[in-house]
Amino acid sequence: MGGVKKKSLASMEKKQDSQDAGQEQAAPSKGKKAKEQKAAPQQQKKLGFLVPKASEAEMLKSLVPLKAITISNASRALGVNAAVATTVLRSLEGKNLLKRAGGFSGHTVWALA
């Protein structure tokens, strides 16, 4: 009734390529060294976001007109994405320039200190 389905051409080519590569690695040619130089280790990607090059005073100046300083409002005012706005707000809070006024579940509301 059932049975093994015929594989697509792409999957058959991949299988054949991998088998050919396996045979080449098993029996290296005499012209190549048995151990080739290893490639340099890849650099780790830094996921750090670019913090705006504005000073703390300039950032606070752009946040002053906001009634409630939230992550989304701050990101619009500073012209950065939400992740950068979060780090900026937390750093300003750490320097006692902002204080937490409320919020819950990650939706913090800050006020000027």
N, C-alpha and C. Protein backbone atom coordinates (compact mmCIF):
# COMPACT_ATOMS: atom_id res chain seq x y z
N MET A 1 0.82 -1.17 0.00
CA MET A 1 0.00 0.00 0.00
C MET A 1 0.87 1.25 0.00
N GLY A 2 1.46 1.47 1.15
CA GLY A 2 2.29 2.65 1.27
C GLY A 2 3.71 2.31 0.84
N GLY A 3 4.56 3.14 1.15
CA GLY A 3 5.95 2.87 0.83
C GLY A 3 6.75 4.16 0.90
N VAL A 4 7.98 4.01 0.57
CA VAL A 4 8.86 5.17 0.61
C VAL A 4 8.55 6.07 -0.57
N LYS A 5 8.37 7.31 -0.28
CA LYS A 5 8.06 8.28 -1.33
C LYS A 5 9.34 8.64 -2.07
N LYS A 6 9.19 9.04 -3.31
CA LYS A 6 10.34 9.47 -4.09
C LYS A 6 10.75 10.85 -3.61
N LYS A 7 12.06 11.00 -3.34
CA LYS A 7 12.55 12.28 -2.83
C LYS A 7 12.66 13.27 -3.97
N SER A 8 12.63 14.54 -3.60
CA SER A 8 12.74 15.59 -4.60
C SER A 8 14.17 15.65 -5.12
N LEU A 9 14.34 16.30 -6.27
CA LEU A 9 15.67 16.41 -6.87
C LEU A 9 16.63 17.16 -5.96
N ALA A 10 16.15 18.20 -5.32
CA ALA A 10 17.01 19.00 -4.45
C ALA A 10 17.54 18.17 -3.28
N SER A 11 16.67 17.39 -2.66
CA SER A 11 17.12 16.58 -1.53
C SER A 11 18.07 15.47 -1.97
N MET A 12 17.85 14.90 -3.16
CA MET A 12 18.78 13.88 -3.66
C MET A 12 20.15 14.49 -3.97
N GLU A 13 20.17 15.71 -4.51
CA GLU A 13 21.45 16.37 -4.79
C GLU A 13 22.20 16.68 -3.50
N LYS A 14 21.48 17.14 -2.48
CA LYS A 14 22.12 17.43 -1.20
C LYS A 14 22.74 16.17 -0.61
N LYS A 15 22.02 15.07 -0.68
CA LYS A 15 22.51 13.81 -0.14
C LYS A 15 23.76 13.37 -0.89
N GLN A 16 23.74 13.50 -2.21
CA GLN A 16 24.89 13.10 -3.01
C GLN A 16 26.09 14.01 -2.73
N ASP A 17 25.86 15.31 -2.58
CA ASP A 17 26.94 16.24 -2.28
C ASP A 17 27.57 15.92 -0.92
N SER A 18 26.73 15.61 0.06
CA SER A 18 27.27 15.31 1.38
C SER A 18 28.06 14.01 1.37
N GLN A 19 27.64 13.02 0.57
CA GLN A 19 28.38 11.78 0.47
C GLN A 19 29.72 12.01 -0.23
N ASP A 20 29.74 12.84 -1.27
CA ASP A 20 30.99 13.15 -1.97
C ASP A 20 31.96 13.86 -1.05
N ALA A 21 31.46 14.79 -0.25
CA ALA A 21 32.31 15.54 0.68
C ALA A 21 32.87 14.60 1.75
N GLY A 22 32.07 13.65 2.19
CA GLY A 22 32.52 12.68 3.19
C GLY A 22 33.62 11.79 2.64
N GLN A 23 33.54 11.40 1.38
CA GLN A 23 34.57 10.57 0.77
C GLN A 23 35.87 11.36 0.61
N GLU A 24 35.78 12.64 0.27
CA GLU A 24 36.98 13.46 0.11
C GLU A 24 37.69 13.65 1.45
N GLN A 25 36.93 13.80 2.51
CA GLN A 25 37.53 13.99 3.82
C GLN A 25 38.15 12.70 4.32
N ALA A 26 37.55 11.56 3.98
CA ALA A 26 38.07 10.27 4.43
C ALA A 26 39.41 9.96 3.77
N ALA A 27 39.56 10.30 2.51
CA ALA A 27 40.80 10.03 1.77
C ALA A 27 41.31 11.33 1.15
N PRO A 28 42.07 12.11 1.92
CA PRO A 28 42.57 13.36 1.35
C PRO A 28 43.61 13.10 0.27
N SER A 29 43.65 13.96 -0.71
CA SER A 29 44.60 13.78 -1.80
C SER A 29 46.01 14.07 -1.29
N LYS A 30 47.01 13.56 -1.98
CA LYS A 30 48.39 13.70 -1.54
C LYS A 30 48.87 15.14 -1.68
N GLY A 31 48.28 15.92 -2.56
CA GLY A 31 48.70 17.30 -2.76
C GLY A 31 48.33 18.19 -1.58
N LYS A 32 47.31 17.81 -0.83
CA LYS A 32 46.88 18.61 0.31
C LYS A 32 47.46 18.03 1.59
N LYS A 33 47.66 18.88 2.54
CA LYS A 33 48.12 18.42 3.84
C LYS A 33 46.97 17.71 4.54
N ALA A 34 47.30 16.79 5.39
CA ALA A 34 46.27 16.05 6.10
C ALA A 34 45.49 16.99 7.03
N LYS A 35 46.24 17.90 7.63
CA LYS A 35 45.58 18.87 8.49
C LYS A 35 45.83 20.25 7.92
N GLU A 36 44.79 20.86 7.45
CA GLU A 36 44.92 22.22 6.94
C GLU A 36 44.83 23.18 8.10
N GLN A 37 45.30 24.38 7.87
CA GLN A 37 45.21 25.38 8.93
C GLN A 37 43.75 25.67 9.24
N LYS A 38 43.46 25.72 10.50
CA LYS A 38 42.09 26.00 10.89
C LYS A 38 41.80 27.47 10.66
N ALA A 39 40.57 27.74 10.30
CA ALA A 39 40.15 29.12 10.09
C ALA A 39 40.13 29.84 11.43
N ALA A 40 40.34 31.13 11.38
CA ALA A 40 40.32 31.92 12.61
C ALA A 40 38.93 31.84 13.23
N PRO A 41 38.87 31.79 14.57
CA PRO A 41 37.54 31.70 15.19
C PRO A 41 36.71 32.94 14.87
N GLN A 42 35.44 32.70 14.65
CA GLN A 42 34.56 33.80 14.29
C GLN A 42 34.36 34.71 15.50
N GLN A 43 34.29 36.00 15.22
CA GLN A 43 34.05 36.94 16.30
C GLN A 43 32.61 36.84 16.74
N GLN A 44 32.42 36.96 18.03
CA GLN A 44 31.06 36.91 18.54
C GLN A 44 30.34 38.19 18.17
N LYS A 45 29.10 38.04 17.81
CA LYS A 45 28.31 39.22 17.48
C LYS A 45 27.93 39.93 18.76
N LYS A 46 28.14 41.22 18.74
CA LYS A 46 27.74 42.00 19.89
C LYS A 46 26.34 42.53 19.63
N LEU A 47 25.47 42.24 20.55
CA LEU A 47 24.09 42.68 20.39
C LEU A 47 23.85 44.01 21.09
N GLY A 48 24.91 44.63 21.53
CA GLY A 48 24.76 45.93 22.18
C GLY A 48 24.18 46.94 21.21
N PHE A 49 23.28 47.72 21.69
CA PHE A 49 22.64 48.71 20.86
C PHE A 49 23.39 50.01 20.97
N LEU A 50 23.31 50.81 19.96
CA LEU A 50 24.00 52.08 19.95
C LEU A 50 23.21 53.09 20.78
N VAL A 51 23.82 53.54 21.83
CA VAL A 51 23.20 54.54 22.69
C VAL A 51 23.39 55.89 22.01
N PRO A 52 22.38 56.74 22.02
CA PRO A 52 22.53 58.04 21.36
C PRO A 52 23.70 58.82 21.95
N LYS A 53 24.36 59.59 21.11
CA LYS A 53 25.55 60.32 21.53
C LYS A 53 25.21 61.64 22.22
N ALA A 54 24.01 61.77 22.68
CA ALA A 54 23.60 62.98 23.40
C ALA A 54 24.00 62.85 24.86
N SER A 55 24.27 63.96 25.49
CA SER A 55 24.62 63.93 26.91
C SER A 55 23.36 63.68 27.75
N GLU A 56 23.57 63.43 29.03
CA GLU A 56 22.44 63.16 29.91
C GLU A 56 21.51 64.36 30.00
N ALA A 57 22.09 65.55 29.99
CA ALA A 57 21.27 66.77 30.08
C ALA A 57 20.39 66.91 28.85
N GLU A 58 20.95 66.60 27.67
CA GLU A 58 20.16 66.69 26.44
C GLU A 58 19.05 65.64 26.41
N MET A 59 19.35 64.44 26.93
CA MET A 59 18.31 63.40 26.98
C MET A 59 17.20 63.81 27.94
N LEU A 60 17.57 64.34 29.09
CA LEU A 60 16.55 64.79 30.05
C LEU A 60 15.73 65.93 29.47
N LYS A 61 16.37 66.80 28.71
CA LYS A 61 15.66 67.94 28.10
C LYS A 61 14.58 67.46 27.14
N SER A 62 14.87 66.36 26.42
CA SER A 62 13.87 65.83 25.50
C SER A 62 12.78 65.05 26.23
N LEU A 63 13.05 64.62 27.47
CA LEU A 63 12.05 63.87 28.25
C LEU A 63 11.19 64.77 29.13
N VAL A 64 11.59 66.03 29.34
CA VAL A 64 10.85 66.93 30.24
C VAL A 64 9.41 67.16 29.79
N PRO A 65 9.11 67.39 28.50
CA PRO A 65 7.72 67.68 28.14
C PRO A 65 6.76 66.49 28.28
N LEU A 66 7.27 65.30 28.50
CA LEU A 66 6.40 64.13 28.60
C LEU A 66 5.74 64.09 29.96
N LYS A 67 4.42 63.81 29.98
CA LYS A 67 3.71 63.69 31.26
C LYS A 67 4.16 62.45 32.00
N ALA A 68 4.07 61.32 31.32
CA ALA A 68 4.51 60.06 31.90
C ALA A 68 5.64 59.53 31.02
N ILE A 69 6.76 59.27 31.62
CA ILE A 69 7.91 58.79 30.86
C ILE A 69 7.84 57.27 30.82
N THR A 70 7.43 56.74 29.69
CA THR A 70 7.40 55.30 29.47
C THR A 70 8.43 54.94 28.41
N ILE A 71 8.61 53.66 28.20
CA ILE A 71 9.60 53.22 27.21
C ILE A 71 9.20 53.67 25.82
N SER A 72 7.92 53.53 25.48
CA SER A 72 7.49 53.90 24.13
C SER A 72 7.57 55.42 23.91
N ASN A 73 7.17 56.20 24.92
CA ASN A 73 7.27 57.66 24.79
C ASN A 73 8.71 58.11 24.69
N ALA A 74 9.58 57.51 25.49
CA ALA A 74 10.99 57.88 25.47
C ALA A 74 11.64 57.49 24.15
N SER A 75 11.26 56.36 23.59
CA SER A 75 11.85 55.95 22.31
C SER A 75 11.46 56.91 21.20
N ARG A 76 10.22 57.40 21.23
CA ARG A 76 9.80 58.39 20.24
C ARG A 76 10.52 59.72 20.44
N ALA A 77 10.64 60.14 21.69
CA ALA A 77 11.26 61.43 21.98
C ALA A 77 12.76 61.42 21.67
N LEU A 78 13.43 60.30 21.94
CA LEU A 78 14.87 60.20 21.71
C LEU A 78 15.21 59.78 20.29
N GLY A 79 14.24 59.22 19.58
CA GLY A 79 14.46 58.77 18.21
C GLY A 79 15.25 57.48 18.13
N VAL A 80 15.05 56.58 19.10
CA VAL A 80 15.74 55.30 19.12
C VAL A 80 14.71 54.19 19.30
N ASN A 81 15.17 52.94 19.21
CA ASN A 81 14.21 51.85 19.41
C ASN A 81 13.98 51.60 20.91
N ALA A 82 13.04 50.73 21.23
CA ALA A 82 12.61 50.53 22.61
C ALA A 82 13.72 49.95 23.48
N ALA A 83 14.54 49.08 22.93
CA ALA A 83 15.62 48.47 23.72
C ALA A 83 16.62 49.53 24.16
N VAL A 84 16.95 50.45 23.28
CA VAL A 84 17.88 51.52 23.63
C VAL A 84 17.24 52.45 24.64
N ALA A 85 15.97 52.77 24.45
CA ALA A 85 15.27 53.64 25.38
C ALA A 85 15.24 53.03 26.78
N THR A 86 15.06 51.72 26.86
CA THR A 86 15.05 51.04 28.16
C THR A 86 16.38 51.19 28.86
N THR A 87 17.47 50.97 28.13
CA THR A 87 18.79 51.09 28.75
C THR A 87 19.08 52.52 29.17
N VAL A 88 18.65 53.47 28.36
CA VAL A 88 18.86 54.89 28.71
C VAL A 88 18.09 55.25 29.97
N LEU A 89 16.82 54.84 30.02
CA LEU A 89 16.00 55.17 31.20
C LEU A 89 16.54 54.51 32.45
N ARG A 90 16.99 53.27 32.34
CA ARG A 90 17.54 52.59 33.51
C ARG A 90 18.84 53.22 33.96
N SER A 91 19.66 53.67 33.00
CA SER A 91 20.92 54.32 33.39
C SER A 91 20.63 55.66 34.06
N LEU A 92 19.64 56.40 33.55
CA LEU A 92 19.27 57.67 34.19
C LEU A 92 18.69 57.44 35.58
N GLU A 93 17.97 56.33 35.73
CA GLU A 93 17.44 56.00 37.05
C GLU A 93 18.57 55.63 38.00
N GLY A 94 19.57 54.94 37.49
CA GLY A 94 20.71 54.59 38.33
C GLY A 94 21.50 55.80 38.79
N LYS A 95 21.47 56.87 38.02
CA LYS A 95 22.17 58.11 38.38
C LYS A 95 21.27 59.08 39.13
N ASN A 96 20.10 58.60 39.55
CA ASN A 96 19.13 59.37 40.34
C ASN A 96 18.64 60.61 39.61
N LEU A 97 18.56 60.56 38.28
CA LEU A 97 17.98 61.66 37.52
C LEU A 97 16.50 61.39 37.24
N LEU A 98 16.11 60.12 37.28
CA LEU A 98 14.71 59.71 37.15
C LEU A 98 14.37 58.83 38.34
N LYS A 99 13.08 58.74 38.64
CA LYS A 99 12.64 57.81 39.67
C LYS A 99 11.40 57.08 39.16
N ARG A 100 11.22 55.89 39.64
CA ARG A 100 10.06 55.11 39.23
C ARG A 100 8.82 55.66 39.90
N ALA A 101 7.80 55.91 39.07
CA ALA A 101 6.56 56.45 39.61
C ALA A 101 5.47 55.39 39.69
N GLY A 102 5.62 54.31 38.97
CA GLY A 102 4.60 53.27 38.99
C GLY A 102 4.84 52.29 37.87
N GLY A 103 3.78 51.60 37.53
CA GLY A 103 3.85 50.61 36.47
C GLY A 103 3.88 49.20 37.02
N PHE A 104 3.75 48.25 36.11
CA PHE A 104 3.72 46.86 36.51
C PHE A 104 4.12 45.99 35.32
N SER A 105 4.58 44.82 35.60
CA SER A 105 4.84 43.78 34.60
C SER A 105 5.69 44.29 33.43
N GLY A 106 6.75 44.99 33.74
CA GLY A 106 7.64 45.46 32.68
C GLY A 106 7.24 46.78 32.04
N HIS A 107 6.08 47.30 32.37
CA HIS A 107 5.60 48.56 31.82
C HIS A 107 5.79 49.66 32.87
N THR A 108 7.03 49.99 33.10
CA THR A 108 7.36 50.94 34.16
C THR A 108 7.09 52.37 33.70
N VAL A 109 6.68 53.19 34.65
CA VAL A 109 6.47 54.62 34.39
C VAL A 109 7.45 55.38 35.27
N TRP A 110 8.20 56.26 34.66
CA TRP A 110 9.20 57.05 35.37
C TRP A 110 8.73 58.50 35.50
N ALA A 111 9.30 59.22 36.46
CA ALA A 111 9.07 60.65 36.64
C ALA A 111 10.42 61.31 36.87
N LEU A 112 10.50 62.59 36.58
CA LEU A 112 11.74 63.32 36.83
C LEU A 112 11.99 63.40 38.32
N ALA A 113 13.22 63.27 38.72
CA ALA A 113 13.57 63.29 40.14
C ALA A 113 13.61 64.71 40.67
